[in-house]
C-alpha atoms as a PDB file:
ATOM      1  CA  MET A   1     156.062 116.431 109.187  1.00  0.00           C
ATOM      2  CA  LEU A   2     155.056 114.106 106.175  1.00  0.00           C
ATOM      3  CA  THR A   3     151.751 112.803 108.159  1.00  0.00           C
ATOM      4  CA  ILE A   4     150.814 115.983 108.779  1.00  0.00           C
ATOM      5  CA  TRP A   5     150.959 117.186 105.505  1.00  0.00           C
ATOM      6  CA  ILE A   6     149.154 114.135 104.321  1.00  0.00           C
ATOM      7  CA  CYS A   7     146.306 115.040 106.740  1.00  0.00           C
ATOM      8  CA  VAL A   8     145.984 118.620 105.476  1.00  0.00           C
ATOM      9  CA  ALA A   9     145.842 117.144 101.960  1.00  0.00           C
ATOM     10  CA  ALA A  10     143.226 114.811 102.614  1.00  0.00           C
ATOM     11  CA  THR A  11     141.329 117.634 104.679  1.00  0.00           C
ATOM     12  CA  ALA A  12     141.965 119.835 101.710  1.00  0.00           C
ATOM     13  CA  ILE A  13     140.393 116.981  99.022  1.00  0.00           C
ATOM     14  CA  LEU A  14     137.709 115.857 101.460  1.00  0.00           C
ATOM     15  CA  SER A  15     136.385 119.955 101.677  1.00  0.00           C
ATOM     16  CA  CYS A  16     136.192 119.889  97.988  1.00  0.00           C
ATOM     17  CA  GLY A  17     134.419 116.903  97.631  1.00  0.00           C
ATOM     18  CA  ILE A  18     132.071 118.026 100.463  1.00  0.00           C
ATOM     19  CA  LYS A  19     131.551 121.388  98.548  1.00  0.00           C
ATOM     20  CA  ALA A  20     130.708 119.649  94.956  1.00  0.00           C
ATOM     21  CA  ILE A  21     128.182 117.406  96.243  1.00  0.00           C
ATOM     22  CA  GLY A  22     125.360 119.894  96.901  1.00  0.00           C
ATOM     23  CA  PRO A  23     125.394 121.632  93.379  1.00  0.00           C
ATOM     24  CA  ALA A  24     126.040 118.246  92.077  1.00  0.00           C
ATOM     25  CA  LEU A  25     122.852 116.229  93.794  1.00  0.00           C
ATOM     26  CA  LEU A  26     120.775 119.729  93.563  1.00  0.00           C
ATOM     27  CA  GLY A  27     121.799 121.397  89.968  1.00  0.00           C
ATOM     28  CA  ASP A  28     119.703 124.084  89.588  1.00  0.00           C
ATOM     29  CA  ARG A  29     116.496 123.224  92.503  1.00  0.00           C
ATOM     30  CA  PRO A  30     116.937 125.545  95.572  1.00  0.00           C
ATOM     31  CA  LEU A  31     118.184 124.223  98.767  1.00  0.00           C
ATOM     32  CA  PRO A  32     115.089 122.690 101.517  1.00  0.00           C
ATOM     33  CA  SER A  33     114.038 124.579 104.400  1.00  0.00           C
ATOM     34  CA  ARG A  34     115.645 122.466 106.744  1.00  0.00           C
ATOM     35  CA  ALA A  35     118.887 122.259 104.863  1.00  0.00           C
ATOM     36  CA  ILE A  36     119.503 126.194 104.977  1.00  0.00           C
ATOM     37  CA  GLY A  37     118.461 126.109 108.718  1.00  0.00           C
ATOM     38  CA  VAL A  38     121.434 123.549 109.095  1.00  0.00           C
ATOM     39  CA  ILE A  39     123.792 125.487 106.973  1.00  0.00           C
ATOM     40  CA  GLY A  40     122.610 128.655 109.204  1.00  0.00           C
ATOM     41  CA  VAL A  41     124.136 127.352 112.176  1.00  0.00           C
ATOM     42  CA  LEU A  42     126.982 125.444 111.254  1.00  0.00           C
ATOM     43  CA  ALA A  43     129.609 128.221 111.394  1.00  0.00           C
ATOM     44  CA  PRO A  44     128.404 129.530 114.514  1.00  0.00           C
ATOM     45  CA  THR A  45     128.686 126.179 116.293  1.00  0.00           C
ATOM     46  CA  LEU A  46     132.152 125.435 114.365  1.00  0.00           C
ATOM     47  CA  LEU A  47     133.354 128.784 116.006  1.00  0.00           C
ATOM     48  CA  ALA A  48     132.053 128.175 119.260  1.00  0.00           C
ATOM     49  CA  ALA A  49     133.906 124.080 119.375  1.00  0.00           C
ATOM     50  CA  LEU A  50     137.356 126.100 118.282  1.00  0.00           C
ATOM     51  CA  ILE A  51     137.187 128.596 120.760  1.00  0.00           C
ATOM     52  CA  ILE A  52     136.203 125.972 123.238  1.00  0.00           C
ATOM     53  CA  SER A  53     138.827 123.384 122.423  1.00  0.00           C
ATOM     54  CA  ASP A  54     141.505 126.356 122.291  1.00  0.00           C
ATOM     55  CA  VAL A  55     140.807 128.036 125.498  1.00  0.00           C
ATOM     56  CA  LEU A  56     140.438 124.861 127.604  1.00  0.00           C
ATOM     57  CA  GLY A  57     143.343 122.704 125.709  1.00  0.00           C
ATOM     58  CA  PRO A  58     143.698 119.075 125.093  1.00  0.00           C
ATOM     59  CA  GLY A  59     142.363 116.651 127.530  1.00  0.00           C
ATOM     60  CA  TRP A  60     140.977 119.882 129.540  1.00  0.00           C
ATOM     61  CA  SER A  61     143.886 119.205 131.853  1.00  0.00           C
ATOM     62  CA  SER A  62     145.176 122.486 131.047  1.00  0.00           C
ATOM     63  CA  ALA A  63     142.577 124.813 131.186  1.00  0.00           C
ATOM     64  CA  ASP A  64     143.264 128.316 131.318  1.00  0.00           C
ATOM     65  CA  GLY A  65     140.994 129.898 133.600  1.00  0.00           C
ATOM     66  CA  PRO A  66     141.245 133.655 133.423  1.00  0.00           C
ATOM     67  CA  LEU A  67     140.941 133.365 129.696  1.00  0.00           C
ATOM     68  CA  ALA A  68     137.953 131.070 129.850  1.00  0.00           C
ATOM     69  CA  LEU A  69     136.488 134.160 132.300  1.00  0.00           C
ATOM     70  CA  GLY A  70     137.532 136.824 129.550  1.00  0.00           C
ATOM     71  CA  VAL A  71     136.216 135.187 126.793  1.00  0.00           C
ATOM     72  CA  ALA A  72     133.089 134.477 128.261  1.00  0.00           C
ATOM     73  CA  THR A  73     133.071 138.014 129.123  1.00  0.00           C
ATOM     74  CA  ALA A  74     133.127 139.157 125.609  1.00  0.00           C
ATOM     75  CA  ALA A  75     130.269 136.585 125.139  1.00  0.00           C
ATOM     76  CA  GLY A  76     128.236 138.374 127.821  1.00  0.00           C
ATOM     77  CA  ALA A  77     128.720 141.579 126.787  1.00  0.00           C
ATOM     78  CA  ARG A  78     128.199 140.801 122.769  1.00  0.00           C
ATOM     79  CA  SER A  79     124.963 139.365 123.786  1.00  0.00           C
ATOM     80  CA  THR A  80     123.685 142.932 125.872  1.00  0.00           C
ATOM     81  CA  GLY A  81     124.566 144.133 122.407  1.00  0.00           C
ATOM     82  CA  ALA A  82     127.643 146.248 123.094  1.00  0.00           C
ATOM     83  CA  PRO A  83     129.500 146.543 119.922  1.00  0.00           C
ATOM     84  CA  THR A  84     132.815 144.605 119.172  1.00  0.00           C
ATOM     85  CA  PRO A  85     135.492 146.886 120.397  1.00  0.00           C
ATOM     86  CA  LEU A  86     134.432 147.042 123.417  1.00  0.00           C
ATOM     87  CA  CYS A  87     133.627 143.706 124.046  1.00  0.00           C
ATOM     88  CA  ILE A  88     137.216 142.914 123.022  1.00  0.00           C
ATOM     89  CA  ALA A  89     138.130 145.464 125.782  1.00  0.00           C
ATOM     90  CA  ALA A  90     136.213 143.756 128.658  1.00  0.00           C
ATOM     91  CA  ALA A  91     137.529 140.696 127.787  1.00  0.00           C
ATOM     92  CA  ILE A  92     140.827 141.834 127.336  1.00  0.00           C
ATOM     93  CA  ALA A  93     140.573 144.009 131.142  1.00  0.00           C
ATOM     94  CA  VAL A  94     138.826 140.978 132.891  1.00  0.00           C
ATOM     95  CA  THR A  95     141.929 138.529 131.989  1.00  0.00           C
ATOM     96  CA  ALA A  96     144.318 141.017 132.949  1.00  0.00           C
ATOM     97  CA  VAL A  97     142.513 141.989 135.999  1.00  0.00           C
ATOM     98  CA  ILE A  98     142.364 138.044 137.178  1.00  0.00           C
ATOM     99  CA  ARG A  99     146.021 137.403 135.698  1.00  0.00           C
ATOM    100  CA  ALA A 100     147.174 139.992 137.958  1.00  0.00           C
ATOM    101  CA  VAL A 101     145.166 139.082 141.478  1.00  0.00           C
ATOM    102  CA  ALA A 102     146.120 135.230 140.863  1.00  0.00           C
END
C-alpha cells in the first residue's frame, strides 16, 4: 500500500514540475506553432490510450470483445457527426446485443 502512495506522490510532483518548466523557460514569449500543435493532440492521444488499455485488459489477454465493439460503435457514430447521447446509446445497444447472443 505504501508503494502506491509513493507512486501517486511522485506522479504529482513530476506533473507539477513538468507544468512549471514551460512558463519558467518561456516567460512571456508565445509558444512556437509546432509546440501548440503537439499540445493540441496530447489529450486525445492520452484518452485513446487509456480507453484501449482499459478495454483490452492487462497484457491484452483478457480482452472484452463486446465492449471493444461497443467502443468502436461509439467512435464510428461520433465520426459521422451523431450527437453524444446517440453515440452512447448505440454503444450500449451493440454491447448488450452481442453479450446476449454470445
